[in-house]
Protein backbone atom coordinates (compact mmCIF):
# COMPACT_ATOMS: atom_id res chain seq x y z
CA UNK A 1 -25.74 2.98 -78.97
CA UNK A 2 -26.86 1.56 -75.66
CA UNK A 3 -23.57 -0.34 -75.47
CA UNK A 4 -21.69 2.95 -75.58
CA UNK A 5 -23.52 4.31 -72.54
CA UNK A 6 -23.34 1.05 -70.63
CA UNK A 7 -19.55 1.17 -71.08
CA UNK A 8 -18.91 4.87 -70.48
CA UNK A 9 -21.21 5.57 -67.52
CA UNK A 10 -19.76 2.91 -65.18
CA UNK A 11 -16.26 4.15 -66.09
CA UNK A 12 -17.22 7.61 -64.81
CA UNK A 13 -17.55 9.37 -68.16
CA UNK A 14 -20.38 11.78 -68.87
CA UNK A 15 -21.40 12.04 -72.50
CA UNK A 16 -21.98 15.74 -73.15
CA UNK A 17 -22.62 15.70 -76.88
CA UNK A 18 -22.90 13.51 -79.95
CA UNK A 19 -21.36 14.00 -83.34
CA UNK A 20 -20.57 11.53 -86.06
CA UNK A 21 -17.44 10.70 -88.01
CA UNK A 22 -17.63 12.65 -91.25
CA UNK A 23 -21.00 14.02 -90.04
CA UNK A 24 -22.81 10.78 -90.83
CA UNK A 25 -25.11 11.49 -87.86
CA UNK A 26 -26.62 14.37 -89.86
CA UNK A 27 -27.79 12.21 -92.75
CA UNK A 28 -31.44 11.41 -93.45
CA UNK A 29 -32.31 8.12 -91.81
CA UNK A 30 -29.57 8.57 -89.22
CA UNK A 31 -30.39 11.93 -87.61
CA UNK A 32 -33.71 10.93 -86.01
CA UNK A 33 -32.35 7.77 -84.29
CA UNK A 34 -29.29 9.71 -83.07
CA UNK A 35 -31.51 12.43 -81.60
CA UNK A 36 -33.74 9.78 -80.01
CA UNK A 37 -30.71 8.05 -78.48
CA UNK A 38 -29.39 11.36 -77.15
CA UNK A 39 -32.73 12.09 -75.49
CA UNK A 40 -33.06 8.56 -74.11
CA UNK A 41 -29.63 8.78 -72.50
CA UNK A 42 -29.79 12.39 -71.35
CA UNK A 43 -27.15 13.70 -73.74
CA UNK A 44 -27.94 17.40 -74.01
CA UNK A 45 -26.16 18.40 -77.25
CA UNK A 46 -26.06 16.98 -80.78
CA UNK A 47 -23.82 18.60 -83.38
CA UNK A 48 -25.57 20.44 -86.19
CA UNK A 49 -22.77 20.63 -88.78
CA UNK A 50 -24.20 23.49 -90.81
CA UNK A 51 -21.39 25.89 -91.69
CA UNK A 52 -22.35 28.98 -93.61
CA UNK A 53 -20.15 30.96 -95.92
CA UNK A 54 -18.39 30.69 -99.23
CA UNK A 55 -14.88 29.81 -100.22
CA UNK A 56 -12.97 26.69 -99.25
CA UNK A 57 -14.95 23.40 -99.17
CA UNK A 58 -18.20 25.13 -100.09
CA UNK A 59 -19.53 22.06 -101.91
CA UNK A 60 -18.92 19.85 -98.87
CA UNK A 61 -20.42 22.44 -96.52
CA UNK A 62 -23.47 22.93 -98.74
CA UNK A 63 -24.01 19.17 -99.14
CA UNK A 64 -23.79 18.46 -95.41
CA UNK A 65 -26.09 21.39 -94.64
CA UNK A 66 -28.65 20.28 -97.23
CA UNK A 67 -28.58 16.68 -95.98
CA UNK A 68 -29.11 17.85 -92.40
CA UNK A 69 -32.02 20.13 -93.37
CA UNK A 70 -33.73 17.15 -95.02
CA UNK A 71 -32.90 14.86 -92.07
CA UNK A 72 -34.18 17.36 -89.50
CA UNK A 73 -37.63 17.78 -91.07
CA UNK A 74 -40.19 16.78 -88.49
CA UNK A 75 -37.54 16.05 -85.83
CA UNK A 76 -37.32 18.39 -82.88
CA UNK A 77 -33.75 19.65 -82.96
CA UNK A 78 -31.93 19.16 -79.65
CA UNK A 79 -29.62 21.73 -78.10
CA UNK A 80 -26.65 22.57 -80.28
CA UNK A 81 -24.09 25.33 -80.68
CA UNK A 82 -25.42 28.59 -82.09
CA UNK A 83 -22.71 28.60 -84.76
CA UNK A 84 -20.51 25.90 -86.28
CA UNK A 85 -17.13 26.19 -88.05
CA UNK A 86 -14.36 23.84 -89.09
CA UNK A 87 -15.18 22.17 -92.37
CA UNK A 88 -13.73 25.08 -94.33
CA UNK A 89 -10.53 24.97 -92.27
CA UNK A 90 -9.75 21.30 -92.80
CA UNK A 91 -6.49 20.66 -94.59
CA UNK A 92 -5.89 24.34 -95.28
CA UNK A 93 -2.15 25.10 -95.43
CA UNK A 94 -3.01 28.53 -93.97
CA UNK A 95 -4.76 26.94 -90.98
CA UNK A 96 -3.23 29.24 -88.33
CA UNK A 97 -3.98 32.45 -90.24
CA UNK A 98 -7.52 31.30 -91.02
CA UNK A 99 -8.04 30.22 -87.39
CA UNK A 100 -6.97 33.64 -86.13
CA UNK A 101 -9.26 35.36 -88.65
CA UNK A 102 -12.14 33.12 -87.54
CA UNK A 103 -11.55 33.99 -83.89
CA UNK A 104 -11.70 37.68 -84.85
CA UNK A 105 -15.06 37.04 -86.51
CA UNK A 106 -16.44 35.23 -83.44
CA UNK A 107 -16.26 38.19 -81.11
CA UNK A 108 -19.32 40.09 -82.45
CA UNK A 109 -22.02 37.37 -82.75
CA UNK A 110 -23.39 36.29 -79.39
CA UNK A 111 -23.77 32.67 -78.45
CA UNK A 112 -21.72 29.51 -78.52
CA UNK A 113 -19.64 28.61 -81.56
CA UNK A 114 -18.46 25.04 -82.02
CA UNK A 115 -15.08 24.83 -83.69
CA UNK A 116 -14.48 21.38 -85.15
CA UNK A 117 -10.78 20.56 -85.46
CA UNK A 118 -8.74 17.37 -85.51
CA UNK A 119 -5.43 18.11 -83.79
CA UNK A 120 -3.11 15.27 -82.97
CA UNK A 121 0.09 13.35 -83.44
CA UNK A 122 -0.90 10.89 -86.15
CA UNK A 123 0.66 7.49 -86.52
CA UNK A 124 0.42 4.53 -88.88
CA UNK A 125 -2.56 3.06 -87.05
CA UNK A 126 -4.60 6.21 -87.61
CA UNK A 127 -3.49 6.40 -91.23
CA UNK A 128 -4.79 2.86 -91.77
CA UNK A 129 -8.40 3.90 -91.14
CA UNK A 130 -8.57 7.66 -91.72
CA UNK A 131 -7.09 9.61 -94.61
CA UNK A 132 -7.01 12.87 -92.63
CA UNK A 133 -3.54 12.41 -91.16
CA UNK A 134 -0.94 15.02 -92.13
CA UNK A 135 -3.02 18.12 -91.28
CA UNK A 136 -3.54 16.95 -87.67
CA UNK A 137 -0.03 17.94 -86.58
CA UNK A 138 -0.38 21.34 -88.25
CA UNK A 139 -3.70 21.89 -86.48
CA UNK A 140 -2.16 20.93 -83.13
CA UNK A 141 0.74 23.32 -83.70
CA UNK A 142 -1.62 26.16 -84.66
CA UNK A 143 -3.99 25.61 -81.75
CA UNK A 144 -1.13 25.59 -79.24
CA UNK A 145 0.86 28.38 -80.91
CA UNK A 146 1.84 31.57 -79.14
CA UNK A 147 -0.16 33.49 -81.78
CA UNK A 148 -3.39 31.64 -80.90
CA UNK A 149 -2.78 31.98 -77.16
CA UNK A 150 -2.06 35.68 -77.55
CA UNK A 151 -5.22 36.20 -79.60
CA UNK A 152 -7.35 34.45 -76.97
CA UNK A 153 -5.82 36.59 -74.19
CA UNK A 154 -7.74 39.58 -75.53
CA UNK A 155 -10.72 38.16 -73.64
CA UNK A 156 -13.46 38.85 -76.19
CA UNK A 157 -13.77 35.11 -76.90
CA UNK A 158 -14.13 32.57 -74.10
CA UNK A 159 -13.18 28.91 -74.52
CA UNK A 160 -15.67 26.42 -73.10
CA UNK A 161 -16.88 22.84 -73.57
CA UNK A 162 -20.26 21.14 -73.84
CA UNK A 163 -20.16 20.04 -70.23
CA UNK A 164 -20.04 23.68 -69.13
CA UNK A 165 -22.69 25.11 -71.45
């Protein structure tokens, strides 16, 4: 991990948070060294990918949450978002409708909610190393849609980033 910081810092990048591909950073045996590296390098936030609820992807959400709870035993948990969502949205053909419903649910609970999404314009290179390809364009379209922009204009939910929190 030291190589990451020695490359990013001189290039003018500030690392604001750490998460891991497919939440591997939350696994037992991985979590503690990741937290230690974050502290050693002054990275204030580490993703806690615990998503509550039932429905879509509940087995995946439960498994990741259980793994993290085991991994976090005896490890002081660093700063993280108060709430986390996104696993249950992945690959859902109703992504836009579910996103809008989620935004409606965010307004009442106070705090910061991390929304994990993977928008993009996938290509063959990405497809060669990651199977999550087709839904990226749909996520990008939903996140930039007039419906999402209109919903956010209500002002009861404020977009932010880890560097501002």
